[in-house]
Amino acid sequence: MKQYSDACDQNRDPILTIIRDVFRNARHVLEIGSGTGQHAVYFAQHLPHLQWQTSDLPSSHASIQAWIDAAGLDNVLPPLTLDVAAGTWPVDRLFAGVFSANTTHIMSWPMVESMFAGIGRILQDDASLCLYGPFNYDNSYTSASNAQFDAWLKDRDPVSGIRNFEDLDALARACGMTLQADHEMPVNNRLLVWVKQSEL
């Protein structure tokens, strides 16, 4: 039942380099959209100080669990059913970090809004959101390959597509998060890091 993604293996080390520092003091991190499950077990293996909580739609759970079972780690948890479209957040706790990779461009914009609103509710003060993927800036593509990818996404699903950084940043700020870093990553991707500000 294990599914495999070439992209996960290609980007895992550049991502790990960033999140190892961002989550250095975190103890519980929620991954939104764990997909195949590859990232979860890889990051949990290399970040043994934290518990990595996987989540996704039920259709992905078998693969995620298969990767977890094969890895035999005690710090990566079975997948929760998290449906941003339905606003279903099956967590009753706050997290010291949230990670999500390649999710916003496969969602509709209302789903992206719902995801950020949910993150704003479950992220601890002074904790970080790390969002990986391709993004536009000033409504412009950063590469020809991203423009082609966006066309492919919209042909497959008209409500999907590469999101504009400024729009995502506005959602984050509305949820009390401030941009901390914008990292350049391989293959015209970025890793955005926001920190939730403490309420005075």
N, C-alpha and C. Protein backbone atom coordinates (compact mmCIF):
# COMPACT_ATOMS: atom_id res chain seq x y z
N MET A 1 0.82 -1.22 0.00
CA MET A 1 0.00 0.00 0.00
C MET A 1 0.85 1.27 0.00
N LYS A 2 2.19 1.10 0.15
CA LYS A 2 3.06 2.27 0.16
C LYS A 2 3.09 2.94 -1.21
N GLN A 3 2.76 4.21 -1.23
CA GLN A 3 2.89 5.00 -2.44
C GLN A 3 4.24 5.72 -2.41
N TYR A 4 4.76 6.05 -3.60
CA TYR A 4 6.09 6.66 -3.68
C TYR A 4 6.06 7.89 -4.57
N SER A 5 6.76 8.92 -4.12
CA SER A 5 6.88 10.17 -4.89
C SER A 5 8.35 10.52 -5.07
N ASP A 6 8.79 10.64 -6.32
CA ASP A 6 10.17 11.07 -6.59
C ASP A 6 10.45 12.42 -5.96
N ALA A 7 9.47 13.33 -6.05
CA ALA A 7 9.67 14.69 -5.55
C ALA A 7 10.00 14.70 -4.06
N CYS A 8 9.37 13.80 -3.31
CA CYS A 8 9.63 13.75 -1.86
C CYS A 8 11.09 13.43 -1.57
N ASP A 9 11.64 12.48 -2.32
CA ASP A 9 13.04 12.13 -2.11
C ASP A 9 13.97 13.25 -2.58
N GLN A 10 13.56 13.97 -3.61
CA GLN A 10 14.41 15.03 -4.15
C GLN A 10 14.46 16.26 -3.27
N ASN A 11 13.36 16.55 -2.58
CA ASN A 11 13.33 17.81 -1.81
C ASN A 11 13.49 17.62 -0.31
N ARG A 12 13.56 16.39 0.15
CA ARG A 12 13.53 16.16 1.60
C ARG A 12 14.75 16.73 2.32
N ASP A 13 15.92 16.62 1.74
CA ASP A 13 17.11 17.12 2.43
C ASP A 13 17.17 18.65 2.47
N PRO A 14 16.87 19.36 1.37
CA PRO A 14 16.82 20.82 1.47
C PRO A 14 15.78 21.30 2.47
N ILE A 15 14.62 20.63 2.52
CA ILE A 15 13.60 21.00 3.51
C ILE A 15 14.10 20.73 4.92
N LEU A 16 14.70 19.55 5.12
CA LEU A 16 15.18 19.18 6.45
C LEU A 16 16.19 20.19 6.97
N THR A 17 17.05 20.70 6.09
CA THR A 17 18.05 21.68 6.51
C THR A 17 17.39 22.89 7.17
N ILE A 18 16.23 23.30 6.64
CA ILE A 18 15.53 24.48 7.17
C ILE A 18 14.74 24.12 8.42
N ILE A 19 13.94 23.06 8.34
CA ILE A 19 13.04 22.79 9.46
C ILE A 19 13.78 22.25 10.69
N ARG A 20 14.97 21.70 10.48
CA ARG A 20 15.76 21.28 11.64
C ARG A 20 16.02 22.46 12.57
N ASP A 21 16.27 23.61 11.98
CA ASP A 21 16.51 24.81 12.79
C ASP A 21 15.20 25.42 13.28
N VAL A 22 14.20 25.51 12.38
CA VAL A 22 12.92 26.13 12.75
C VAL A 22 12.25 25.37 13.89
N PHE A 23 12.29 24.04 13.84
CA PHE A 23 11.61 23.21 14.84
C PHE A 23 12.56 22.70 15.92
N ARG A 24 13.69 23.36 16.12
CA ARG A 24 14.70 22.85 17.06
C ARG A 24 14.17 22.78 18.49
N ASN A 25 13.24 23.66 18.84
CA ASN A 25 12.68 23.65 20.20
C ASN A 25 11.26 23.11 20.25
N ALA A 26 10.77 22.63 19.13
CA ALA A 26 9.40 22.11 19.07
C ALA A 26 9.34 20.68 19.62
N ARG A 27 8.19 20.33 20.14
CA ARG A 27 7.99 18.97 20.64
C ARG A 27 6.89 18.23 19.87
N HIS A 28 5.91 18.96 19.36
CA HIS A 28 4.81 18.34 18.61
C HIS A 28 4.55 19.15 17.36
N VAL A 29 4.71 18.52 16.20
CA VAL A 29 4.50 19.18 14.91
C VAL A 29 3.40 18.46 14.15
N LEU A 30 2.49 19.24 13.59
CA LEU A 30 1.42 18.70 12.75
C LEU A 30 1.79 18.89 11.28
N GLU A 31 1.77 17.80 10.52
CA GLU A 31 1.95 17.89 9.08
C GLU A 31 0.57 17.86 8.42
N ILE A 32 0.27 18.87 7.62
CA ILE A 32 -1.00 18.93 6.89
C ILE A 32 -0.76 18.43 5.47
N GLY A 33 -1.47 17.37 5.12
CA GLY A 33 -1.31 16.79 3.78
C GLY A 33 -0.07 15.91 3.71
N SER A 34 -0.05 14.84 4.49
CA SER A 34 1.15 13.99 4.55
C SER A 34 1.37 13.18 3.29
N GLY A 35 0.38 13.10 2.41
CA GLY A 35 0.57 12.48 1.10
C GLY A 35 0.94 11.01 1.18
N THR A 36 2.10 10.66 0.60
CA THR A 36 2.53 9.27 0.60
C THR A 36 2.95 8.82 2.00
N GLY A 37 3.44 9.75 2.81
CA GLY A 37 3.99 9.41 4.12
C GLY A 37 5.50 9.46 4.17
N GLN A 38 6.15 9.68 3.02
CA GLN A 38 7.62 9.68 2.96
C GLN A 38 8.24 10.79 3.79
N HIS A 39 7.73 12.01 3.63
CA HIS A 39 8.29 13.12 4.38
C HIS A 39 8.20 12.87 5.88
N ALA A 40 7.06 12.37 6.32
CA ALA A 40 6.83 12.18 7.75
C ALA A 40 7.89 11.30 8.39
N VAL A 41 8.12 10.14 7.80
CA VAL A 41 9.08 9.22 8.42
C VAL A 41 10.50 9.74 8.29
N TYR A 42 10.82 10.41 7.19
CA TYR A 42 12.18 10.93 7.01
C TYR A 42 12.48 12.03 8.02
N PHE A 43 11.55 12.95 8.15
CA PHE A 43 11.78 14.06 9.08
C PHE A 43 11.75 13.57 10.52
N ALA A 44 10.85 12.66 10.84
CA ALA A 44 10.79 12.13 12.21
C ALA A 44 12.07 11.38 12.56
N GLN A 45 12.62 10.68 11.59
CA GLN A 45 13.87 9.95 11.83
C GLN A 45 15.02 10.91 12.16
N HIS A 46 15.04 12.06 11.48
CA HIS A 46 16.14 13.00 11.65
C HIS A 46 15.87 14.07 12.72
N LEU A 47 14.65 14.09 13.24
CA LEU A 47 14.28 15.03 14.30
C LEU A 47 13.69 14.25 15.46
N PRO A 48 14.51 13.43 16.11
CA PRO A 48 13.99 12.51 17.12
C PRO A 48 13.47 13.21 18.37
N HIS A 49 13.73 14.50 18.52
CA HIS A 49 13.28 15.22 19.71
C HIS A 49 11.80 15.58 19.66
N LEU A 50 11.16 15.43 18.48
CA LEU A 50 9.76 15.83 18.37
C LEU A 50 8.87 14.68 17.94
N GLN A 51 7.57 14.85 18.19
CA GLN A 51 6.56 13.93 17.68
C GLN A 51 5.96 14.54 16.43
N TRP A 52 5.93 13.75 15.35
CA TRP A 52 5.43 14.20 14.06
C TRP A 52 4.03 13.62 13.85
N GLN A 53 3.03 14.49 13.85
CA GLN A 53 1.64 14.06 13.68
C GLN A 53 1.26 14.16 12.22
N THR A 54 0.99 13.03 11.58
CA THR A 54 0.58 13.03 10.18
C THR A 54 -0.92 13.31 10.06
N SER A 55 -1.33 13.80 8.89
CA SER A 55 -2.75 14.01 8.61
C SER A 55 -2.97 14.08 7.12
N ASP A 56 -4.16 13.72 6.69
CA ASP A 56 -4.54 13.83 5.28
C ASP A 56 -5.98 13.31 5.15
N LEU A 57 -6.47 13.31 3.93
CA LEU A 57 -7.76 12.69 3.65
C LEU A 57 -7.64 11.18 3.79
N PRO A 58 -8.74 10.49 4.05
CA PRO A 58 -8.68 9.04 4.27
C PRO A 58 -8.04 8.26 3.13
N SER A 59 -8.17 8.74 1.91
CA SER A 59 -7.62 8.02 0.76
C SER A 59 -6.10 7.88 0.83
N SER A 60 -5.44 8.72 1.61
CA SER A 60 -3.98 8.66 1.74
C SER A 60 -3.52 7.90 2.97
N HIS A 61 -4.43 7.54 3.84
CA HIS A 61 -4.03 6.97 5.12
C HIS A 61 -3.29 5.65 5.00
N ALA A 62 -3.70 4.79 4.08
CA ALA A 62 -3.06 3.47 3.97
C ALA A 62 -1.58 3.61 3.64
N SER A 63 -1.25 4.48 2.71
CA SER A 63 0.15 4.67 2.34
C SER A 63 0.94 5.28 3.48
N ILE A 64 0.37 6.30 4.13
CA ILE A 64 1.05 6.94 5.26
C ILE A 64 1.34 5.90 6.34
N GLN A 65 0.34 5.09 6.68
CA GLN A 65 0.52 4.09 7.73
C GLN A 65 1.54 3.04 7.33
N ALA A 66 1.57 2.69 6.04
CA ALA A 66 2.55 1.70 5.56
C ALA A 66 3.98 2.22 5.73
N TRP A 67 4.20 3.47 5.43
CA TRP A 67 5.53 4.07 5.63
C TRP A 67 5.87 4.12 7.12
N ILE A 68 4.89 4.45 7.95
CA ILE A 68 5.12 4.50 9.40
C ILE A 68 5.48 3.11 9.92
N ASP A 69 4.73 2.11 9.49
CA ASP A 69 4.97 0.75 9.94
C ASP A 69 6.35 0.27 9.52
N ALA A 70 6.74 0.58 8.28
CA ALA A 70 8.04 0.14 7.78
C ALA A 70 9.19 0.83 8.50
N ALA A 71 8.97 2.09 8.89
CA ALA A 71 10.04 2.84 9.55
C ALA A 71 10.26 2.40 10.99
N GLY A 72 9.19 1.97 11.66
CA GLY A 72 9.31 1.50 13.03
C GLY A 72 9.74 2.57 14.02
N LEU A 73 9.35 3.81 13.76
CA LEU A 73 9.71 4.92 14.65
C LEU A 73 8.62 5.13 15.69
N ASP A 74 9.01 5.59 16.88
CA ASP A 74 8.01 5.84 17.91
C ASP A 74 7.64 7.31 18.02
N ASN A 75 8.19 8.15 17.13
CA ASN A 75 7.87 9.58 17.20
C ASN A 75 7.13 10.10 15.97
N VAL A 76 6.56 9.19 15.19
CA VAL A 76 5.67 9.60 14.10
C VAL A 76 4.33 8.90 14.33
N LEU A 77 3.27 9.71 14.33
CA LEU A 77 1.96 9.22 14.77
C LEU A 77 1.05 8.90 13.59
N PRO A 78 0.14 7.96 13.76
CA PRO A 78 -0.79 7.58 12.69
C PRO A 78 -1.58 8.78 12.18
N PRO A 79 -2.00 8.72 10.92
CA PRO A 79 -2.65 9.88 10.30
C PRO A 79 -4.02 10.20 10.87
N LEU A 80 -4.25 11.48 11.09
CA LEU A 80 -5.57 11.99 11.41
C LEU A 80 -6.29 12.34 10.11
N THR A 81 -7.61 12.28 10.12
CA THR A 81 -8.39 12.74 8.98
C THR A 81 -8.58 14.24 9.10
N LEU A 82 -7.94 14.97 8.20
CA LEU A 82 -8.03 16.43 8.22
C LEU A 82 -8.55 16.88 6.85
N ASP A 83 -9.75 17.43 6.85
CA ASP A 83 -10.41 17.87 5.62
C ASP A 83 -10.62 19.38 5.71
N VAL A 84 -9.73 20.14 5.09
CA VAL A 84 -9.85 21.60 5.19
C VAL A 84 -11.10 22.10 4.49
N ALA A 85 -11.55 21.39 3.46
CA ALA A 85 -12.75 21.82 2.73
C ALA A 85 -13.97 21.80 3.65
N ALA A 86 -14.01 20.83 4.54
CA ALA A 86 -15.13 20.70 5.47
C ALA A 86 -14.89 21.44 6.77
N GLY A 87 -13.68 22.00 6.89
CA GLY A 87 -13.34 22.67 8.14
C GLY A 87 -13.18 21.70 9.29
N THR A 88 -12.86 20.43 8.98
CA THR A 88 -12.75 19.39 9.98
C THR A 88 -11.32 19.33 10.50
N TRP A 89 -11.13 19.74 11.76
CA TRP A 89 -9.82 19.72 12.39
C TRP A 89 -9.89 18.79 13.60
N PRO A 90 -9.48 17.53 13.42
CA PRO A 90 -9.66 16.53 14.49
C PRO A 90 -8.58 16.62 15.55
N VAL A 91 -8.28 17.82 15.99
CA VAL A 91 -7.28 18.00 17.04
C VAL A 91 -7.85 18.90 18.12
N ASP A 92 -7.55 18.56 19.35
CA ASP A 92 -8.04 19.34 20.48
C ASP A 92 -6.88 19.89 21.29
N ARG A 93 -5.76 20.10 20.60
CA ARG A 93 -4.57 20.56 21.27
C ARG A 93 -3.87 21.61 20.41
N LEU A 94 -2.93 22.32 20.99
CA LEU A 94 -2.11 23.26 20.25
C LEU A 94 -0.80 22.57 19.86
N PHE A 95 -0.24 22.99 18.73
CA PHE A 95 1.00 22.40 18.24
C PHE A 95 2.12 23.43 18.26
N ALA A 96 3.33 22.93 18.47
CA ALA A 96 4.51 23.79 18.50
C ALA A 96 5.07 24.03 17.11
N GLY A 97 4.43 23.48 16.10
CA GLY A 97 4.84 23.72 14.73
C GLY A 97 3.87 23.07 13.77
N VAL A 98 3.77 23.64 12.57
CA VAL A 98 2.96 23.06 11.49
C VAL A 98 3.81 23.05 10.22
N PHE A 99 3.76 21.93 9.51
CA PHE A 99 4.47 21.79 8.23
C PHE A 99 3.50 21.33 7.16
N SER A 100 3.64 21.89 5.97
CA SER A 100 2.82 21.44 4.84
C SER A 100 3.60 21.64 3.56
N ALA A 101 3.59 20.63 2.70
CA ALA A 101 4.33 20.68 1.44
C ALA A 101 3.40 20.41 0.26
N ASN A 102 3.49 21.28 -0.73
CA ASN A 102 2.79 21.08 -2.01
C ASN A 102 1.29 20.86 -1.83
N THR A 103 0.69 21.73 -1.03
CA THR A 103 -0.75 21.60 -0.76
C THR A 103 -1.57 22.76 -1.33
N THR A 104 -1.10 23.99 -1.17
CA THR A 104 -1.97 25.13 -1.53
C THR A 104 -2.30 25.18 -3.01
N HIS A 105 -1.43 24.67 -3.86
CA HIS A 105 -1.71 24.74 -5.30
C HIS A 105 -2.66 23.64 -5.79
N ILE A 106 -2.94 22.66 -4.94
CA ILE A 106 -3.91 21.63 -5.35
C ILE A 106 -5.26 21.85 -4.68
N MET A 107 -5.37 22.91 -3.90
CA MET A 107 -6.63 23.27 -3.23
C MET A 107 -7.31 24.41 -3.97
N SER A 108 -8.62 24.56 -3.74
CA SER A 108 -9.31 25.77 -4.15
C SER A 108 -8.91 26.89 -3.20
N TRP A 109 -9.15 28.14 -3.60
CA TRP A 109 -8.79 29.24 -2.72
C TRP A 109 -9.57 29.21 -1.40
N PRO A 110 -10.89 28.92 -1.40
CA PRO A 110 -11.59 28.80 -0.11
C PRO A 110 -10.98 27.74 0.80
N MET A 111 -10.46 26.65 0.22
CA MET A 111 -9.80 25.63 1.02
C MET A 111 -8.50 26.17 1.63
N VAL A 112 -7.77 26.96 0.86
CA VAL A 112 -6.55 27.57 1.38
C VAL A 112 -6.89 28.50 2.54
N GLU A 113 -7.94 29.29 2.36
CA GLU A 113 -8.37 30.18 3.44
C GLU A 113 -8.73 29.38 4.69
N SER A 114 -9.45 28.27 4.51
CA SER A 114 -9.85 27.42 5.63
C SER A 114 -8.63 26.82 6.31
N MET A 115 -7.63 26.42 5.53
CA MET A 115 -6.43 25.83 6.10
C MET A 115 -5.70 26.84 6.98
N PHE A 116 -5.52 28.05 6.49
CA PHE A 116 -4.82 29.06 7.29
C PHE A 116 -5.61 29.41 8.55
N ALA A 117 -6.93 29.49 8.43
CA ALA A 117 -7.75 29.78 9.62
C ALA A 117 -7.58 28.68 10.67
N GLY A 118 -7.55 27.43 10.22
CA GLY A 118 -7.36 26.32 11.14
C GLY A 118 -5.98 26.34 11.78
N ILE A 119 -4.97 26.64 10.97
CA ILE A 119 -3.61 26.72 11.52
C ILE A 119 -3.54 27.81 12.59
N GLY A 120 -4.19 28.93 12.31
CA GLY A 120 -4.20 30.01 13.29
C GLY A 120 -4.78 29.59 14.62
N ARG A 121 -5.72 28.64 14.60
CA ARG A 121 -6.35 28.18 15.84
C ARG A 121 -5.51 27.17 16.61
N ILE A 122 -4.74 26.34 15.90
CA ILE A 122 -4.07 25.22 16.58
C ILE A 122 -2.57 25.47 16.76
N LEU A 123 -2.06 26.60 16.29
CA LEU A 123 -0.63 26.89 16.44
C LEU A 123 -0.39 27.67 17.73
N GLN A 124 0.56 27.20 18.51
CA GLN A 124 0.92 27.88 19.75
C GLN A 124 1.51 29.26 19.45
N ASP A 125 1.45 30.15 20.42
CA ASP A 125 2.16 31.42 20.31
C ASP A 125 3.66 31.15 20.17
N ASP A 126 4.31 31.94 19.33
CA ASP A 126 5.75 31.84 19.06
C ASP A 126 6.13 30.57 18.32
N ALA A 127 5.15 29.83 17.81
CA ALA A 127 5.42 28.63 17.03
C ALA A 127 5.38 28.96 15.53
N SER A 128 5.94 28.06 14.73
CA SER A 128 6.16 28.35 13.31
C SER A 128 5.32 27.47 12.38
N LEU A 129 4.90 28.09 11.29
CA LEU A 129 4.30 27.39 10.15
C LEU A 129 5.32 27.38 9.03
N CYS A 130 5.66 26.19 8.51
CA CYS A 130 6.55 26.04 7.37
C CYS A 130 5.74 25.53 6.19
N LEU A 131 5.72 26.31 5.12
CA LEU A 131 4.92 25.97 3.93
C LEU A 131 5.85 25.88 2.73
N TYR A 132 5.91 24.70 2.13
CA TYR A 132 6.80 24.44 0.99
C TYR A 132 5.99 24.32 -0.30
N GLY A 133 6.54 24.84 -1.39
CA GLY A 133 5.91 24.68 -2.69
C GLY A 133 6.31 25.77 -3.65
N PRO A 134 5.70 25.79 -4.84
CA PRO A 134 5.91 26.89 -5.79
C PRO A 134 4.95 28.03 -5.48
N PHE A 135 5.43 29.25 -5.58
CA PHE A 135 4.59 30.42 -5.32
C PHE A 135 4.89 31.50 -6.35
N ASN A 136 3.86 32.28 -6.65
CA ASN A 136 4.04 33.47 -7.49
C ASN A 136 4.33 34.67 -6.60
N TYR A 137 4.95 35.68 -7.19
CA TYR A 137 5.23 36.94 -6.50
C TYR A 137 4.73 38.08 -7.36
N ASP A 138 3.93 38.98 -6.75
CA ASP A 138 3.31 40.08 -7.50
C ASP A 138 2.54 39.54 -8.70
N ASN A 139 1.87 38.38 -8.47
CA ASN A 139 1.05 37.73 -9.51
C ASN A 139 1.85 37.34 -10.74
N SER A 140 3.14 37.11 -10.57
CA SER A 140 4.01 36.73 -11.69
C SER A 140 4.71 35.41 -11.39
N TYR A 141 4.87 34.60 -12.42
CA TYR A 141 5.58 33.33 -12.26
C TYR A 141 7.08 33.59 -12.07
N THR A 142 7.71 32.71 -11.31
CA THR A 142 9.14 32.85 -11.07
C THR A 142 9.96 32.08 -12.10
N SER A 143 9.30 31.28 -12.93
CA SER A 143 10.01 30.52 -13.95
C SER A 143 9.02 30.05 -15.01
N ALA A 144 9.56 29.70 -16.17
CA ALA A 144 8.73 29.17 -17.25
C ALA A 144 8.14 27.82 -16.84
N SER A 145 8.92 27.04 -16.10
CA SER A 145 8.42 25.72 -15.69
C SER A 145 7.25 25.85 -14.72
N ASN A 146 7.28 26.87 -13.86
CA ASN A 146 6.15 27.08 -12.96
C ASN A 146 4.91 27.52 -13.73
N ALA A 147 5.09 28.32 -14.77
CA ALA A 147 3.96 28.73 -15.61
C ALA A 147 3.33 27.51 -16.29
N GLN A 148 4.17 26.61 -16.77
CA GLN A 148 3.68 25.39 -17.40
C GLN A 148 2.97 24.49 -16.39
N PHE A 149 3.55 24.40 -15.20
CA PHE A 149 2.94 23.59 -14.14
C PHE A 149 1.58 24.15 -13.75
N ASP A 150 1.47 25.48 -13.67
CA ASP A 150 0.22 26.11 -13.31
C ASP A 150 -0.86 25.82 -14.36
N ALA A 151 -0.46 25.87 -15.63
CA ALA A 151 -1.41 25.57 -16.71
C ALA A 151 -1.89 24.13 -16.61
N TRP A 152 -0.97 23.23 -16.27
CA TRP A 152 -1.35 21.82 -16.11
C TRP A 152 -2.31 21.64 -14.94
N LEU A 153 -2.02 22.33 -13.83
CA LEU A 153 -2.90 22.25 -12.66
C LEU A 153 -4.31 22.71 -12.99
N LYS A 154 -4.42 23.85 -13.66
CA LYS A 154 -5.73 24.42 -13.95
C LYS A 154 -6.48 23.64 -15.01
N ASP A 155 -5.75 22.97 -15.89
CA ASP A 155 -6.40 22.11 -16.87
C ASP A 155 -7.00 20.89 -16.17
N ARG A 156 -6.30 20.41 -15.15
CA ARG A 156 -6.76 19.26 -14.37
C ARG A 156 -7.90 19.63 -13.44
N ASP A 157 -7.78 20.83 -12.82
CA ASP A 157 -8.78 21.30 -11.86
C ASP A 157 -8.77 22.83 -11.90
N PRO A 158 -9.78 23.44 -12.51
CA PRO A 158 -9.77 24.90 -12.70
C PRO A 158 -9.68 25.72 -11.42
N VAL A 159 -10.04 25.15 -10.27
CA VAL A 159 -10.00 25.93 -9.03
C VAL A 159 -8.64 25.84 -8.33
N SER A 160 -7.74 25.04 -8.87
CA SER A 160 -6.41 24.91 -8.29
C SER A 160 -5.46 25.89 -8.97
N GLY A 161 -4.20 25.85 -8.59
CA GLY A 161 -3.20 26.70 -9.23
C GLY A 161 -2.20 27.26 -8.24
N ILE A 162 -1.05 27.68 -8.76
CA ILE A 162 0.00 28.26 -7.92
C ILE A 162 -0.52 29.55 -7.28
N ARG A 163 -0.32 29.67 -5.98
CA ARG A 163 -0.86 30.82 -5.24
C ARG A 163 0.15 31.96 -5.17
N ASN A 164 -0.40 33.14 -5.01
CA ASN A 164 0.41 34.35 -4.92
C ASN A 164 0.91 34.53 -3.49
N PHE A 165 2.20 34.74 -3.34
CA PHE A 165 2.78 34.89 -2.00
C PHE A 165 2.08 35.98 -1.20
N GLU A 166 1.82 37.11 -1.81
CA GLU A 166 1.22 38.22 -1.08
C GLU A 166 -0.16 37.86 -0.53
N ASP A 167 -0.91 37.05 -1.27
CA ASP A 167 -2.23 36.62 -0.79
C ASP A 167 -2.10 35.66 0.40
N LEU A 168 -1.13 34.75 0.32
CA LEU A 168 -0.91 33.83 1.44
C LEU A 168 -0.43 34.59 2.67
N ASP A 169 0.45 35.56 2.45
CA ASP A 169 0.96 36.34 3.58
C ASP A 169 -0.17 37.13 4.25
N ALA A 170 -1.11 37.61 3.45
CA ALA A 170 -2.25 38.34 4.03
C ALA A 170 -3.10 37.40 4.89
N LEU A 171 -3.29 36.15 4.45
CA LEU A 171 -4.03 35.18 5.26
C LEU A 171 -3.30 34.91 6.56
N ALA A 172 -1.99 34.75 6.47
CA ALA A 172 -1.20 34.47 7.67
C ALA A 172 -1.28 35.63 8.65
N ARG A 173 -1.15 36.86 8.15
CA ARG A 173 -1.19 38.03 9.03
C ARG A 173 -2.56 38.16 9.70
N ALA A 174 -3.62 37.80 8.96
CA ALA A 174 -4.96 37.86 9.53
C ALA A 174 -5.13 36.86 10.68
N CYS A 175 -4.29 35.82 10.69
CA CYS A 175 -4.34 34.81 11.75
C CYS A 175 -3.28 35.05 12.81
N GLY A 176 -2.66 36.22 12.78
CA GLY A 176 -1.69 36.57 13.82
C GLY A 176 -0.29 36.07 13.56
N MET A 177 0.03 35.72 12.30
CA MET A 177 1.36 35.21 11.97
C MET A 177 2.15 36.25 11.18
N THR A 178 3.45 36.29 11.44
CA THR A 178 4.35 37.21 10.77
C THR A 178 5.40 36.43 10.01
N LEU A 179 5.68 36.85 8.77
CA LEU A 179 6.69 36.16 7.98
C LEU A 179 8.06 36.30 8.62
N GLN A 180 8.72 35.16 8.82
CA GLN A 180 10.06 35.16 9.40
C GLN A 180 11.13 34.94 8.34
N ALA A 181 10.82 34.09 7.33
CA ALA A 181 11.82 33.77 6.32
C ALA A 181 11.15 33.28 5.05
N ASP A 182 11.84 33.51 3.94
CA ASP A 182 11.40 33.04 2.62
C ASP A 182 12.64 32.43 1.96
N HIS A 183 12.71 31.10 2.01
CA HIS A 183 13.91 30.39 1.56
C HIS A 183 13.77 29.93 0.11
N GLU A 184 14.79 30.18 -0.68
CA GLU A 184 14.84 29.64 -2.03
C GLU A 184 15.17 28.16 -1.95
N MET A 185 14.42 27.34 -2.70
CA MET A 185 14.60 25.90 -2.69
C MET A 185 14.82 25.40 -4.11
N PRO A 186 15.24 24.15 -4.28
CA PRO A 186 15.48 23.62 -5.64
C PRO A 186 14.22 23.61 -6.50
N VAL A 187 14.43 23.59 -7.78
CA VAL A 187 13.38 23.44 -8.80
C VAL A 187 12.30 24.51 -8.66
N ASN A 188 12.72 25.75 -8.43
CA ASN A 188 11.80 26.90 -8.40
C ASN A 188 10.73 26.81 -7.33
N ASN A 189 11.07 26.17 -6.21
CA ASN A 189 10.19 26.13 -5.06
C ASN A 189 10.71 27.06 -3.97
N ARG A 190 9.88 27.29 -2.97
CA ARG A 190 10.25 28.13 -1.82
C ARG A 190 9.81 27.42 -0.53
N LEU A 191 10.39 27.83 0.57
CA LEU A 191 9.91 27.39 1.87
C LEU A 191 9.67 28.64 2.70
N LEU A 192 8.39 28.91 2.95
CA LEU A 192 7.97 30.10 3.69
C LEU A 192 7.80 29.74 5.16
N VAL A 193 8.29 30.61 6.02
CA VAL A 193 8.19 30.39 7.45
C VAL A 193 7.51 31.59 8.11
N TRP A 194 6.37 31.32 8.73
CA TRP A 194 5.67 32.34 9.52
C TRP A 194 5.72 31.96 10.99
N VAL A 195 5.71 32.96 11.86
CA VAL A 195 5.69 32.72 13.30
C VAL A 195 4.44 33.39 13.88
N LYS A 196 3.71 32.62 14.69
CA LYS A 196 2.54 33.18 15.35
C LYS A 196 2.95 34.07 16.51
N GLN A 197 2.47 35.29 16.49
CA GLN A 197 2.86 36.25 17.51
C GLN A 197 2.10 36.02 18.80
N SER A 198 2.77 36.26 19.91
CA SER A 198 2.13 36.14 21.22
C SER A 198 1.08 37.24 21.37
N GLU A 199 -0.04 36.89 21.95
CA GLU A 199 -1.07 37.88 22.23
C GLU A 199 -0.73 38.65 23.50
N LEU A 200 -0.77 39.94 23.40
CA LEU A 200 -0.43 40.78 24.56
C LEU A 200 -1.64 40.96 25.47
